[in-house]
C-alpha cells in the first residue's frame, strides 16, 4: 500500500487527528490495558501524526512504569491513540477511529506486551 493520509476521531468528534501511513502491518497487544480496550493498532512515527482538534478534550492514563501515555476522550471515553512505551517517538493509533479505513488484507501481528511488565 502507498503512503496515504487518514483522518481519525473519537466517537463524539471532540478529538480529531490525521496520520500518514502505508499500513505495513496492524498489531494487537496482550498487555493488561490493551486486552481491555481491544484495539487494533498501527504504529506511526510522531512526524506523521497531527492532532487537529481536541487537545483539551483528552485525558491521559499511565500505569506500571508510567512511560506509555494512553489517551482517551473525556466526553465519550474512546481511546484514539497512545504514545508507545518502548518506542516513545511513535504513536499506536486505534485504526477503528479512522474514517473510511478497511483493515482487510493487512497483516496482523500479535505483540506480547504482557511480558514487558
PDB file of N, CA and C in Angstrom:
ATOM      1  N   UNK A   1       0.846  -1.186   0.000  1.00  0.00           N
ATOM      2  CA  UNK A   1       0.000   0.000   0.000  1.00  0.00           C
ATOM      3  C   UNK A   1       0.888   1.245   0.000  1.00  0.00           C
ATOM      4  N   UNK A   2       0.513   2.237  -0.746  1.00  0.00           N
ATOM      5  CA  UNK A   2       1.230   3.505  -0.807  1.00  0.00           C
ATOM      6  C   UNK A   2       0.873   4.352   0.409  1.00  0.00           C
ATOM      7  N   UNK A   3       1.823   5.168   0.880  1.00  0.00           N
ATOM      8  CA  UNK A   3       1.525   6.058   1.995  1.00  0.00           C
ATOM      9  C   UNK A   3       0.362   6.969   1.649  1.00  0.00           C
ATOM     10  N   UNK A   4      -0.533   7.123   2.629  1.00  0.00           N
ATOM     11  CA  UNK A   4      -1.753   7.885   2.407  1.00  0.00           C
ATOM     12  C   UNK A   4      -2.134   8.584   3.703  1.00  0.00           C
ATOM     13  N   UNK A   5      -2.844   9.693   3.587  1.00  0.00           N
ATOM     14  CA  UNK A   5      -3.319  10.420   4.758  1.00  0.00           C
ATOM     15  C   UNK A   5      -4.690   9.897   5.169  1.00  0.00           C
ATOM     16  N   UNK A   6      -4.871   9.692   6.471  1.00  0.00           N
ATOM     17  CA  UNK A   6      -6.148   9.250   7.023  1.00  0.00           C
ATOM     18  C   UNK A   6      -6.548  10.193   8.145  1.00  0.00           C
ATOM     19  N   UNK A   7      -7.827  10.531   8.198  1.00  0.00           N
ATOM     20  CA  UNK A   7      -8.381  11.317   9.291  1.00  0.00           C
ATOM     21  C   UNK A   7      -8.986  10.378  10.311  1.00  0.00           C
ATOM     22  N   UNK A   8      -8.900  10.768  11.577  1.00  0.00           N
ATOM     23  CA  UNK A   8      -9.475   9.951  12.634  1.00  0.00           C
ATOM     24  C   UNK A   8     -10.093  10.820  13.705  1.00  0.00           C
ATOM     25  N   UNK A   9     -10.942  10.198  14.512  1.00  0.00           N
ATOM     26  CA  UNK A   9     -11.572  10.933  15.608  1.00  0.00           C
ATOM     27  C   UNK A   9     -12.099   9.953  16.648  1.00  0.00           C
ATOM     28  N   UNK A  10     -12.426  10.521  17.802  1.00  0.00           N
ATOM     29  CA  UNK A  10     -13.131   9.739  18.813  1.00  0.00           C
ATOM     30  C   UNK A  10     -14.601   9.638  18.377  1.00  0.00           C
ATOM     31  N   UNK A  11     -15.446   9.034  19.180  1.00  0.00           N
ATOM     32  CA  UNK A  11     -16.851   8.838  18.814  1.00  0.00           C
ATOM     33  C   UNK A  11     -17.629  10.148  18.738  1.00  0.00           C
ATOM     34  N   UNK A  12     -17.404  11.052  19.695  1.00  0.00           N
ATOM     35  CA  UNK A  12     -18.170  12.303  19.713  1.00  0.00           C
ATOM     36  C   UNK A  12     -17.587  13.367  18.784  1.00  0.00           C
ATOM     37  N   UNK A  13     -16.376  13.157  18.287  1.00  0.00           N
ATOM     38  CA  UNK A  13     -15.765  14.098  17.359  1.00  0.00           C
ATOM     39  C   UNK A  13     -14.960  15.214  18.000  1.00  0.00           C
ATOM     40  N   UNK A  14     -14.898  15.242  19.329  1.00  0.00           N
ATOM     41  CA  UNK A  14     -14.121  16.282  20.014  1.00  0.00           C
ATOM     42  C   UNK A  14     -12.631  16.162  19.699  1.00  0.00           C
ATOM     43  N   UNK A  15     -12.124  14.932  19.641  1.00  0.00           N
ATOM     44  CA  UNK A  15     -10.712  14.679  19.351  1.00  0.00           C
ATOM     45  C   UNK A  15     -10.595  14.287  17.882  1.00  0.00           C
ATOM     46  N   UNK A  16      -9.818  15.052  17.132  1.00  0.00           N
ATOM     47  CA  UNK A  16      -9.623  14.779  15.702  1.00  0.00           C
ATOM     48  C   UNK A  16      -8.131  14.796  15.401  1.00  0.00           C
ATOM     49  N   UNK A  17      -7.705  13.879  14.538  1.00  0.00           N
ATOM     50  CA  UNK A  17      -6.290  13.779  14.208  1.00  0.00           C
ATOM     51  C   UNK A  17      -6.135  13.273  12.787  1.00  0.00           C
ATOM     52  N   UNK A  18      -4.909  13.372  12.280  1.00  0.00           N
ATOM     53  CA  UNK A  18      -4.612  12.769  10.981  1.00  0.00           C
ATOM     54  C   UNK A  18      -3.282  12.041  11.087  1.00  0.00           C
ATOM     55  N   UNK A  19      -3.156  10.990  10.284  1.00  0.00           N
ATOM     56  CA  UNK A  19      -1.914  10.232  10.213  1.00  0.00           C
ATOM     57  C   UNK A  19      -1.560  10.023   8.746  1.00  0.00           C
ATOM     58  N   UNK A  20      -0.306   9.737   8.507  1.00  0.00           N
ATOM     59  CA  UNK A  20       0.163   9.340   7.185  1.00  0.00           C
ATOM     60  C   UNK A  20       0.858   7.998   7.374  1.00  0.00           C
ATOM     61  N   UNK A  21       0.404   6.975   6.641  1.00  0.00           N
ATOM     62  CA  UNK A  21       0.979   5.638   6.782  1.00  0.00           C
ATOM     63  C   UNK A  21       0.723   4.814   5.532  1.00  0.00           C
ATOM     64  N   UNK A  22       1.514   3.774   5.396  1.00  0.00           N
ATOM     65  CA  UNK A  22       1.284   2.800   4.323  1.00  0.00           C
ATOM     66  C   UNK A  22       0.781   1.473   4.901  1.00  0.00           C
ATOM     67  N   UNK A  23       0.498   1.434   6.193  1.00  0.00           N
ATOM     68  CA  UNK A  23      -0.020   0.249   6.877  1.00  0.00           C
ATOM     69  C   UNK A  23       0.802  -1.010   6.588  1.00  0.00           C
ATOM     70  N   UNK A  24       2.093  -1.026   6.993  1.00  0.00           N
ATOM     71  CA  UNK A  24       2.892  -2.232   6.778  1.00  0.00           C
ATOM     72  C   UNK A  24       2.330  -3.431   7.536  1.00  0.00           C
ATOM     73  N   UNK A  25       1.723  -3.153   8.700  1.00  0.00           N
ATOM     74  CA  UNK A  25       1.072  -4.197   9.493  1.00  0.00           C
ATOM     75  C   UNK A  25       0.180  -3.524  10.526  1.00  0.00           C
ATOM     76  N   UNK A  26      -0.705  -4.309  11.086  1.00  0.00           N
ATOM     77  CA  UNK A  26      -1.520  -3.889  12.218  1.00  0.00           C
ATOM     78  C   UNK A  26      -1.099  -4.756  13.391  1.00  0.00           C
ATOM     79  N   UNK A  27      -1.329  -4.265  14.605  1.00  0.00           N
ATOM     80  CA  UNK A  27      -0.936  -5.055  15.768  1.00  0.00           C
ATOM     81  C   UNK A  27      -2.049  -5.128  16.800  1.00  0.00           C
ATOM     82  N   UNK A  28      -2.010  -6.220  17.529  1.00  0.00           N
ATOM     83  CA  UNK A  28      -2.797  -6.375  18.746  1.00  0.00           C
ATOM     84  C   UNK A  28      -1.777  -6.513  19.865  1.00  0.00           C
ATOM     85  N   UNK A  29      -2.205  -6.373  21.092  1.00  0.00           N
ATOM     86  CA  UNK A  29      -1.291  -6.480  22.229  1.00  0.00           C
ATOM     87  C   UNK A  29      -2.023  -7.176  23.369  1.00  0.00           C
ATOM     88  N   UNK A  30      -1.293  -7.986  24.122  1.00  0.00           N
ATOM     89  CA  UNK A  30      -1.922  -8.720  25.219  1.00  0.00           C
ATOM     90  C   UNK A  30      -1.591  -8.146  26.594  1.00  0.00           C
ATOM     91  N   UNK A  31      -1.100  -6.898  26.656  1.00  0.00           N
ATOM     92  CA  UNK A  31      -0.850  -6.305  27.972  1.00  0.00           C
ATOM     93  C   UNK A  31      -2.199  -6.018  28.648  1.00  0.00           C
ATOM     94  N   UNK A  32      -2.157  -5.692  29.923  1.00  0.00           N
ATOM     95  CA  UNK A  32      -3.395  -5.562  30.696  1.00  0.00           C
ATOM     96  C   UNK A  32      -4.339  -4.486  30.162  1.00  0.00           C
ATOM     97  N   UNK A  33      -3.831  -3.361  29.692  1.00  0.00           N
ATOM     98  CA  UNK A  33      -4.726  -2.311  29.195  1.00  0.00           C
ATOM     99  C   UNK A  33      -5.193  -2.588  27.771  1.00  0.00           C
ATOM    100  N   UNK A  34      -4.300  -3.084  26.926  1.00  0.00           N
ATOM    101  CA  UNK A  34      -4.685  -3.341  25.527  1.00  0.00           C
ATOM    102  C   UNK A  34      -5.735  -4.445  25.421  1.00  0.00           C
ATOM    103  N   UNK A  35      -5.634  -5.459  26.281  1.00  0.00           N
ATOM    104  CA  UNK A  35      -6.662  -6.510  26.272  1.00  0.00           C
ATOM    105  C   UNK A  35      -8.024  -5.915  26.583  1.00  0.00           C
ATOM    106  N   UNK A  36      -8.057  -4.986  27.503  1.00  0.00           N
ATOM    107  CA  UNK A  36      -9.332  -4.404  27.915  1.00  0.00           C
ATOM    108  C   UNK A  36      -9.897  -3.413  26.892  1.00  0.00           C
ATOM    109  N   UNK A  37      -9.030  -2.665  26.217  1.00  0.00           N
ATOM    110  CA  UNK A  37      -9.550  -1.715  25.223  1.00  0.00           C
ATOM    111  C   UNK A  37      -9.749  -2.367  23.860  1.00  0.00           C
ATOM    112  N   UNK A  38      -9.178  -3.545  23.651  1.00  0.00           N
ATOM    113  CA  UNK A  38      -9.412  -4.376  22.462  1.00  0.00           C
ATOM    114  C   UNK A  38      -9.253  -3.606  21.150  1.00  0.00           C
ATOM    115  N   UNK A  39      -8.164  -2.866  21.051  1.00  0.00           N
ATOM    116  CA  UNK A  39      -7.934  -2.067  19.842  1.00  0.00           C
ATOM    117  C   UNK A  39      -7.045  -2.810  18.852  1.00  0.00           C
ATOM    118  N   UNK A  40      -7.216  -2.477  17.602  1.00  0.00           N
ATOM    119  CA  UNK A  40      -6.335  -2.919  16.529  1.00  0.00           C
ATOM    120  C   UNK A  40      -5.532  -1.676  16.155  1.00  0.00           C
ATOM    121  N   UNK A  41      -4.203  -1.778  16.202  1.00  0.00           N
ATOM    122  CA  UNK A  41      -3.373  -0.582  16.117  1.00  0.00           C
ATOM    123  C   UNK A  41      -2.418  -0.595  14.932  1.00  0.00           C
ATOM    124  N   UNK A  42      -2.032   0.609  14.526  1.00  0.00           N
ATOM    125  CA  UNK A  42      -0.953   0.798  13.566  1.00  0.00           C
ATOM    126  C   UNK A  42       0.063   1.730  14.235  1.00  0.00           C
ATOM    127  N   UNK A  43       1.329   1.446  14.036  1.00  0.00           N
ATOM    128  CA  UNK A  43       2.415   2.237  14.606  1.00  0.00           C
ATOM    129  C   UNK A  43       2.766   3.360  13.629  1.00  0.00           C
ATOM    130  N   UNK A  44       2.761   4.612  14.133  1.00  0.00           N
ATOM    131  CA  UNK A  44       3.008   5.784  13.291  1.00  0.00           C
ATOM    132  C   UNK A  44       4.039   6.680  13.978  1.00  0.00           C
ATOM    133  N   UNK A  45       5.076   7.079  13.250  1.00  0.00           N
ATOM    134  CA  UNK A  45       6.079   7.991  13.807  1.00  0.00           C
ATOM    135  C   UNK A  45       5.425   9.334  14.118  1.00  0.00           C
ATOM    136  N   UNK A  46       5.912   9.995  15.174  1.00  0.00           N
ATOM    137  CA  UNK A  46       5.317  11.268  15.595  1.00  0.00           C
ATOM    138  C   UNK A  46       5.330  12.325  14.487  1.00  0.00           C
ATOM    139  N   UNK A  47       6.255  12.233  13.553  1.00  0.00           N
ATOM    140  CA  UNK A  47       6.302  13.192  12.439  1.00  0.00           C
ATOM    141  C   UNK A  47       5.164  12.974  11.443  1.00  0.00           C
ATOM    142  N   UNK A  48       4.473  11.834  11.552  1.00  0.00           N
ATOM    143  CA  UNK A  48       3.371  11.515  10.635  1.00  0.00           C
ATOM    144  C   UNK A  48       2.023  11.504  11.359  1.00  0.00           C
ATOM    145  N   UNK A  49       1.999  12.143  12.538  1.00  0.00           N
ATOM    146  CA  UNK A  49       0.792  12.264  13.344  1.00  0.00           C
ATOM    147  C   UNK A  49       0.548  13.740  13.620  1.00  0.00           C
ATOM    148  N   UNK A  50      -0.694  14.190  13.430  1.00  0.00           N
ATOM    149  CA  UNK A  50      -1.067  15.569  13.747  1.00  0.00           C
ATOM    150  C   UNK A  50      -2.379  15.558  14.516  1.00  0.00           C
ATOM    151  N   UNK A  51      -2.363  16.148  15.702  1.00  0.00           N
ATOM    152  CA  UNK A  51      -3.600  16.339  16.455  1.00  0.00           C
ATOM    153  C   UNK A  51      -4.248  17.601  15.908  1.00  0.00           C
ATOM    154  N   UNK A  52      -5.410  17.463  15.292  1.00  0.00           N
ATOM    155  CA  UNK A  52      -6.089  18.583  14.637  1.00  0.00           C
ATOM    156  C   UNK A  52      -6.980  19.363  15.587  1.00  0.00           C
ATOM    157  N   UNK A  53      -7.585  18.661  16.541  1.00  0.00           N
ATOM    158  CA  UNK A  53      -8.539  19.295  17.443  1.00  0.00           C
ATOM    159  C   UNK A  53      -8.703  18.442  18.692  1.00  0.00           C
ATOM    160  N   UNK A  54      -8.953  19.101  19.809  1.00  0.00           N
ATOM    161  CA  UNK A  54      -9.356  18.383  21.000  1.00  0.00           C
ATOM    162  C   UNK A  54      -8.283  18.085  22.024  1.00  0.00           C
ATOM    163  N   UNK A  55      -7.171  18.795  21.986  1.00  0.00           N
ATOM    164  CA  UNK A  55      -6.133  18.533  22.990  1.00  0.00           C
ATOM    165  C   UNK A  55      -6.694  18.663  24.403  1.00  0.00           C
ATOM    166  N   UNK A  56      -7.526  19.675  24.641  1.00  0.00           N
ATOM    167  CA  UNK A  56      -8.111  19.870  25.972  1.00  0.00           C
ATOM    168  C   UNK A  56      -9.193  18.833  26.283  1.00  0.00           C
ATOM    169  N   UNK A  57      -9.642  18.093  25.284  1.00  0.00           N
ATOM    170  CA  UNK A  57     -10.652  17.044  25.491  1.00  0.00           C
ATOM    171  C   UNK A  57     -10.027  15.690  25.806  1.00  0.00           C
ATOM    172  N   UNK A  58      -8.701  15.619  25.767  1.00  0.00           N
ATOM    173  CA  UNK A  58      -8.019  14.356  26.054  1.00  0.00           C
ATOM    174  C   UNK A  58      -7.687  14.236  27.530  1.00  0.00           C
ATOM    175  N   UNK A  59      -7.808  13.039  28.039  1.00  0.00           N
ATOM    176  CA  UNK A  59      -7.295  12.724  29.360  1.00  0.00           C
ATOM    177  C   UNK A  59      -6.275  11.617  29.184  1.00  0.00           C
ATOM    178  N   UNK A  60      -5.288  11.600  30.055  1.00  0.00           N
ATOM    179  CA  UNK A  60      -4.184  10.653  29.923  1.00  0.00           C
ATOM    180  C   UNK A  60      -4.206   9.652  31.070  1.00  0.00           C
ATOM    181  N   UNK A  61      -3.894   8.423  30.743  1.00  0.00           N
ATOM    182  CA  UNK A  61      -3.793   7.377  31.757  1.00  0.00           C
ATOM    183  C   UNK A  61      -2.432   6.716  31.644  1.00  0.00           C
ATOM    184  N   UNK A  62      -1.755   6.588  32.783  1.00  0.00           N
ATOM    185  CA  UNK A  62      -0.479   5.882  32.837  1.00  0.00           C
ATOM    186  C   UNK A  62      -0.526   4.893  33.993  1.00  0.00           C
ATOM    187  N   UNK A  63       0.276   3.848  33.879  1.00  0.00           N
ATOM    188  CA  UNK A  63       0.351   2.856  34.947  1.00  0.00           C
ATOM    189  C   UNK A  63       1.705   2.163  34.888  1.00  0.00           C
ATOM    190  N   UNK A  64       1.973   1.304  35.824  1.00  0.00           N
ATOM    191  CA  UNK A  64       3.191   0.492  35.930  1.00  0.00           C
ATOM    192  C   UNK A  64       4.444   1.364  35.865  1.00  0.00           C
ATOM    193  N   UNK A  65       5.111   1.476  34.723  1.00  0.00           N
ATOM    194  CA  UNK A  65       6.349   2.262  34.620  1.00  0.00           C
ATOM    195  C   UNK A  65       6.080   3.738  34.338  1.00  0.00           C
ATOM    196  N   UNK A  66       4.843   4.096  34.076  1.00  0.00           N
ATOM    197  CA  UNK A  66       4.456   5.470  33.723  1.00  0.00           C
ATOM    198  C   UNK A  66       5.243   6.008  32.528  1.00  0.00           C
ATOM    199  N   UNK A  67       5.530   5.131  31.583  1.00  0.00           N
ATOM    200  CA  UNK A  67       6.271   5.512  30.381  1.00  0.00           C
ATOM    201  C   UNK A  67       5.334   5.714  29.201  1.00  0.00           C
ATOM    202  N   UNK A  68       4.459   4.764  28.949  1.00  0.00           N
ATOM    203  CA  UNK A  68       3.478   4.905  27.864  1.00  0.00           C
ATOM    204  C   UNK A  68       2.407   5.911  28.292  1.00  0.00           C
ATOM    205  N   UNK A  69       1.883   6.636  27.324  1.00  0.00           N
ATOM    206  CA  UNK A  69       0.830   7.621  27.571  1.00  0.00           C
ATOM    207  C   UNK A  69      -0.406   7.179  26.793  1.00  0.00           C
ATOM    208  N   UNK A  70      -1.441   6.744  27.499  1.00  0.00           N
ATOM    209  CA  UNK A  70      -2.682   6.281  26.875  1.00  0.00           C
ATOM    210  C   UNK A  70      -3.692   7.426  26.945  1.00  0.00           C
ATOM    211  N   UNK A  71      -4.215   7.833  25.794  1.00  0.00           N
ATOM    212  CA  UNK A  71      -5.114   8.975  25.723  1.00  0.00           C
ATOM    213  C   UNK A  71      -6.550   8.526  25.452  1.00  0.00           C
ATOM    214  N   UNK A  72      -7.480   9.195  26.124  1.00  0.00           N
ATOM    215  CA  UNK A  72      -8.908   8.914  25.997  1.00  0.00           C
ATOM    216  C   UNK A  72      -9.651  10.237  25.902  1.00  0.00           C
ATOM    217  N   UNK A  73     -10.766  10.243  25.181  1.00  0.00           N
ATOM    218  CA  UNK A  73     -11.613  11.428  25.117  1.00  0.00           C
ATOM    219  C   UNK A  73     -12.364  11.568  26.440  1.00  0.00           C
ATOM    220  N   UNK A  74     -12.327  12.753  27.040  1.00  0.00           N
ATOM    221  CA  UNK A  74     -13.021  12.998  28.307  1.00  0.00           C
ATOM    222  C   UNK A  74     -14.535  12.886  28.162  1.00  0.00           C
ATOM    223  N   UNK A  75     -15.052  13.190  26.982  1.00  0.00           N
ATOM    224  CA  UNK A  75     -16.503  13.217  26.777  1.00  0.00           C
ATOM    225  C   UNK A  75     -17.072  11.833  26.459  1.00  0.00           C
ATOM    226  N   UNK A  76     -16.509  11.139  25.464  1.00  0.00           N
ATOM    227  CA  UNK A  76     -17.099   9.857  25.041  1.00  0.00           C
ATOM    228  C   UNK A  76     -16.315   8.631  25.517  1.00  0.00           C
ATOM    229  N   UNK A  77     -15.103   8.835  26.035  1.00  0.00           N
ATOM    230  CA  UNK A  77     -14.331   7.733  26.601  1.00  0.00           C
ATOM    231  C   UNK A  77     -13.539   6.892  25.614  1.00  0.00           C
ATOM    232  N   UNK A  78     -13.594   7.234  24.339  1.00  0.00           N
ATOM    233  CA  UNK A  78     -12.912   6.427  23.318  1.00  0.00           C
ATOM    234  C   UNK A  78     -11.401   6.608  23.402  1.00  0.00           C
ATOM    235  N   UNK A  79     -10.681   5.505  23.172  1.00  0.00           N
ATOM    236  CA  UNK A  79      -9.219   5.506  23.087  1.00  0.00           C
ATOM    237  C   UNK A  79      -8.826   5.665  21.618  1.00  0.00           C
ATOM    238  N   UNK A  80      -8.314   6.844  21.208  1.00  0.00           N
ATOM    239  CA  UNK A  80      -7.903   7.008  19.816  1.00  0.00           C
ATOM    240  C   UNK A  80      -6.431   6.660  19.559  1.00  0.00           C
ATOM    241  N   UNK A  81      -5.563   6.865  20.560  1.00  0.00           N
ATOM    242  CA  UNK A  81      -4.131   6.630  20.347  1.00  0.00           C
ATOM    243  C   UNK A  81      -3.385   6.632  21.674  1.00  0.00           C
ATOM    244  N   UNK A  82      -2.150   6.160  21.615  1.00  0.00           N
ATOM    245  CA  UNK A  82      -1.248   6.245  22.760  1.00  0.00           C
ATOM    246  C   UNK A  82       0.176   6.467  22.271  1.00  0.00           C
ATOM    247  N   UNK A  83       0.994   7.008  23.155  1.00  0.00           N
ATOM    248  CA  UNK A  83       2.421   7.139  22.868  1.00  0.00           C
ATOM    249  C   UNK A  83       3.072   5.904  23.456  1.00  0.00           C
ATOM    250  N   UNK A  84       3.857   5.219  22.639  1.00  0.00           N
ATOM    251  CA  UNK A  84       4.344   3.892  22.986  1.00  0.00           C
ATOM    252  C   UNK A  84       5.425   3.915  24.069  1.00  0.00           C
ATOM    253  N   UNK A  85       5.478   2.832  24.835  1.00  0.00           N
ATOM    254  CA  UNK A  85       6.425   2.692  25.936  1.00  0.00           C
ATOM    255  C   UNK A  85       7.845   2.432  25.443  1.00  0.00           C
ATOM    256  N   UNK A  86       8.017   1.446  24.590  1.00  0.00           N
ATOM    257  CA  UNK A  86       9.348   1.031  24.143  1.00  0.00           C
ATOM    258  C   UNK A  86       9.912   1.994  23.102  1.00  0.00           C
ATOM    259  N   UNK A  87       9.044   2.546  22.267  1.00  0.00           N
ATOM    260  CA  UNK A  87       9.467   3.495  21.224  1.00  0.00           C
ATOM    261  C   UNK A  87       8.622   4.766  21.362  1.00  0.00           C
ATOM    262  N   UNK A  88       8.966   5.653  22.323  1.00  0.00           N
ATOM    263  CA  UNK A  88       8.119   6.817  22.619  1.00  0.00           C
ATOM    264  C   UNK A  88       8.003   7.842  21.498  1.00  0.00           C
ATOM    265  N   UNK A  89       8.813   7.720  20.456  1.00  0.00           N
ATOM    266  CA  UNK A  89       8.677   8.630  19.316  1.00  0.00           C
ATOM    267  C   UNK A  89       7.588   8.153  18.355  1.00  0.00           C
ATOM    268  N   UNK A  90       6.921   7.072  18.719  1.00  0.00           N
ATOM    269  CA  UNK A  90       5.832   6.519  17.904  1.00  0.00           C
ATOM    270  C   UNK A  90       4.515   6.564  18.663  1.00  0.00           C
ATOM    271  N   UNK A  91       3.444   6.677  17.896  1.00  0.00           N
ATOM    272  CA  UNK A  91       2.093   6.561  18.428  1.00  0.00           C
ATOM    273  C   UNK A  91       1.516   5.219  17.998  1.00  0.00           C
ATOM    274  N   UNK A  92       0.735   4.620  18.856  1.00  0.00           N
ATOM    275  CA  UNK A  92      -0.101   3.485  18.494  1.00  0.00           C
ATOM    276  C   UNK A  92      -1.481   4.054  18.213  1.00  0.00           C
ATOM    277  N   UNK A  93      -1.957   3.912  17.001  1.00  0.00           N
ATOM    278  CA  UNK A  93      -3.231   4.503  16.581  1.00  0.00           C
ATOM    279  C   UNK A  93      -4.298   3.421  16.525  1.00  0.00           C
ATOM    280  N   UNK A  94      -5.432   3.665  17.144  1.00  0.00           N
ATOM    281  CA  UNK A  94      -6.574   2.758  17.081  1.00  0.00           C
ATOM    282  C   UNK A  94      -7.204   2.898  15.694  1.00  0.00           C
ATOM    283  N   UNK A  95      -6.987   1.917  14.831  1.00  0.00           N
ATOM    284  CA  UNK A  95      -7.451   2.045  13.439  1.00  0.00           C
ATOM    285  C   UNK A  95      -8.974   2.082  13.329  1.00  0.00           C
ATOM    286  N   UNK A  96      -9.678   1.650  14.358  1.00  0.00           N
ATOM    287  CA  UNK A  96     -11.139   1.724  14.322  1.00  0.00           C
ATOM    288  C   UNK A  96     -11.637   3.162  14.488  1.00  0.00           C
ATOM    289  N   UNK A  97     -10.729   4.101  14.791  1.00  0.00           N
ATOM    290  CA  UNK A  97     -11.073   5.522  14.868  1.00  0.00           C
ATOM    291  C   UNK A  97     -10.834   6.246  13.543  1.00  0.00           C
ATOM    292  N   UNK A  98     -10.301   5.543  12.541  1.00  0.00           N
ATOM    293  CA  UNK A  98     -10.001   6.169  11.251  1.00  0.00           C
ATOM    294  C   UNK A  98     -11.215   6.156  10.330  1.00  0.00           C
ATOM    295  N   UNK A  99     -11.407   7.243   9.600  1.00  0.00           N
ATOM    296  CA  UNK A  99     -12.505   7.342   8.634  1.00  0.00           C
ATOM    297  C   UNK A  99     -12.165   6.539   7.380  1.00  0.00           C
ATOM    298  N   UNK A 100     -13.147   5.878   6.841  1.00  0.00           N
ATOM    299  CA  UNK A 100     -13.012   5.175   5.555  1.00  0.00           C
ATOM    300  C   UNK A 100     -11.812   4.238   5.503  1.00  0.00           C
ATOM    301  N   UNK A 101     -11.580   3.510   6.590  1.00  0.00           N
ATOM    302  CA  UNK A 101     -10.467   2.568   6.621  1.00  0.00           C
ATOM    303  C   UNK A 101     -10.999   1.151   6.732  1.00  0.00           C
ATOM    304  N   UNK A 102     -10.474   0.273   5.896  1.00  0.00           N
ATOM    305  CA  UNK A 102     -10.845  -1.139   5.921  1.00  0.00           C
ATOM    306  C   UNK A 102      -9.570  -1.950   6.163  1.00  0.00           C
ATOM    307  N   UNK A 103      -9.473  -2.663   7.286  1.00  0.00           N
ATOM    308  CA  UNK A 103      -8.252  -3.411   7.604  1.00  0.00           C
ATOM    309  C   UNK A 103      -8.073  -4.700   6.803  1.00  0.00           C
ATOM    310  N   UNK A 104      -9.027  -5.033   5.964  1.00  0.00           N
ATOM    311  CA  UNK A 104      -8.977  -6.285   5.210  1.00  0.00           C
ATOM    312  C   UNK A 104      -7.690  -6.391   4.389  1.00  0.00           C
ATOM    313  N   UNK A 105      -7.013  -7.522   4.520  1.00  0.00           N
ATOM    314  CA  UNK A 105      -5.818  -7.803   3.736  1.00  0.00           C
ATOM    315  C   UNK A 105      -4.513  -7.310   4.342  1.00  0.00           C
ATOM    316  N   UNK A 106      -4.569  -6.547   5.431  1.00  0.00           N
ATOM    317  CA  UNK A 106      -3.350  -6.057   6.077  1.00  0.00           C
ATOM    318  C   UNK A 106      -2.937  -7.074   7.140  1.00  0.00           C
ATOM    319  N   UNK A 107      -1.679  -7.504   7.144  1.00  0.00           N
ATOM    320  CA  UNK A 107      -1.240  -8.489   8.134  1.00  0.00           C
ATOM    321  C   UNK A 107      -1.406  -7.966   9.562  1.00  0.00           C
ATOM    322  N   UNK A 108      -1.812  -8.857  10.456  1.00  0.00           N
ATOM    323  CA  UNK A 108      -1.969  -8.513  11.870  1.00  0.00           C
ATOM    324  C   UNK A 108      -0.951  -9.316  12.672  1.00  0.00           C
ATOM    325  N   UNK A 109      -0.148  -8.579  13.454  1.00  0.00           N
ATOM    326  CA  UNK A 109       0.864  -9.211  14.297  1.00  0.00           C
ATOM    327  C   UNK A 109       0.459  -9.052  15.754  1.00  0.00           C
ATOM    328  N   UNK A 110       0.481 -10.147  16.486  1.00  0.00           N
ATOM    329  CA  UNK A 110       0.178 -10.110  17.914  1.00  0.00           C
ATOM    330  C   UNK A 110       1.466  -9.809  18.679  1.00  0.00           C
ATOM    331  N   UNK A 111       1.462  -8.719  19.436  1.00  0.00           N
ATOM    332  CA  UNK A 111       2.628  -8.396  20.258  1.00  0.00           C
ATOM    333  C   UNK A 111       2.410  -8.925  21.664  1.00  0.00           C
ATOM    334  N   UNK A 112       3.494  -9.213  22.330  1.00  0.00           N
ATOM    335  CA  UNK A 112       3.428  -9.811  23.662  1.00  0.00           C
ATOM    336  C   UNK A 112       3.789  -8.733  24.683  1.00  0.00           C
ATOM    337  N   UNK A 113       2.854  -7.851  24.932  1.00  0.00           N
ATOM    338  CA  UNK A 113       3.070  -6.765  25.879  1.00  0.00           C
ATOM    339  C   UNK A 113       3.028  -7.212  27.322  1.00  0.00           C
ATOM    340  N   UNK A 114       2.342  -8.300  27.608  1.00  0.00           N
ATOM    341  CA  UNK A 114       2.223  -8.785  28.981  1.00  0.00           C
ATOM    342  C   UNK A 114       3.584  -9.149  29.563  1.00  0.00           C
ATOM    343  N   UNK A 115       4.520  -9.538  28.731  1.00  0.00           N
ATOM    344  CA  UNK A 115       5.848  -9.930  29.212  1.00  0.00           C
ATOM    345  C   UNK A 115       6.755  -8.733  29.471  1.00  0.00           C
ATOM    346  N   UNK A 116       6.306  -7.526  29.131  1.00  0.00           N
ATOM    347  CA  UNK A 116       7.127  -6.336  29.364  1.00  0.00           C
ATOM    348  C   UNK A 116       7.002  -5.822  30.791  1.00  0.00           C
ATOM    349  N   UNK A 117       6.126  -6.393  31.582  1.00  0.00           N
ATOM    350  CA  UNK A 117       5.911  -5.925  32.962  1.00  0.00           C
ATOM    351  C   UNK A 117       7.123  -6.180  33.826  1.00  0.00           C
TER     352      UNK A 117
END
